[in-house]
Amino acid sequence: MIETHEAGRPTRTSPQGAPAIELVGLEKRFGQVHAVRGLDLTVQQGEIVAFLGPNGAGKTTTIDMMLGLSTPTAGTARVFGMQPRDAIGRGLVAAVMQTGGLLKDLTVRETVDLTASLFVQTRSVDECLERAGIADIGDRKVHKCSGGQQQRLRFAMALVSDHALVVLDEPTTGMDVTGRRDFWSAIRQDAQRGRTVLFATHYLEEADQYADRIILVRKGQLVADGTGAQIKAMATGRTVRATMTGLSDRELAAIPGVDSVELQGDSVSLHSKDSDTVARYLFANTNARDVEITARGLEDAFIALTGDDESADRHVRIEERGPERAAEARQTIDEQGA
């Protein structure tokens, strides 16, 4: 189990009043590829921020500039009011990346010891192992650790410098459910003491449950910024689900207020901006039963706000063709690389 940090112990001192992260007009080009396009972002100290976007959205490129691993083509990146490398040099920043950074022939303890040797001021190696939940495998070679244990090891390495900002890239990949819950409990405890956390993840439920704020990027631009509830509200409409027979997908699509239809046997999902009207119609004019109305989730908002417009349009259009033709159309689109 990942132990929460000792109550009341301060993190490494960071400049008072300065944002933890401040990106202004940030741009990055790789030849003809415009990876990041004028991105503005401010993260205050003590926030837990999820940084989300589809593959190729510019997340990794932005994080690289934030960590001083890459130089912006235009704009500025500041960490606690400093150049990123200056903040890192002062031990204010740590990163837990998804891959790399581990020497397979060292033991878990030797790896954390080696990391500690790189800093003037460090925390106890035993404490870091305990907090990361790997104190019991300190003598195990890294190459014999599971993927989840290696992620915990990276977390322990990041803890050594007692940083003020931690950047996490897919931090819970390979962890089981208990490990993920304990990990985020520890992160939340640190944030309550003033530590700032920015993380990228493909587990949207993690962003929804643990982030104070969610940032969505698409094609190198920020497209949404808010709490989980605010982001979900941007995916307008609700879904009306029911069990029913007797209507074709075309007839269902013609129901007043219906925007799109998903039909699987007797199970029907109707997406609408006016779910009350749709539900009343079902009760009055069909044999619908087990009717339920649900708000769209973070996944719906993510797809709506970050999906490719042309691809999304094609997928919406094929819903009108009926289940068999829709399946054929989706297969054709997938083969074309949409």
Foldseek 3Di string as FASTA:
>chain_A
DADADDPPDAFPDFDPPFFQKFWAQFWADDVPATQAGGATDTHHWLFAEEEEADPSLNPVVVVCQQQVVDPTPDTAMDGSNHRNVVCVVVLQEEEQALDDDDDQAQFLLVSLVVLLVVDPAWDDLCNLCRNLPNNVRRRPGNNPDFSQVVLSSSSSSRPTSSHQEYEYEQSRVRPDPVSVVSVLVNVNSNSVSGRYYYYYHPPVVCQLPRGQKYWYGASNYTQDIGHQVVLLVVLAWKKKKWFFDDDFLLRLCPQPFFQFWDDDPRIIITTGNCVVSSVVCCVVPGPTDPIDIGRDGNVSSNCVRHPDPVVVVQLRVLRNVGDVSSVVSVVVVVVVPD
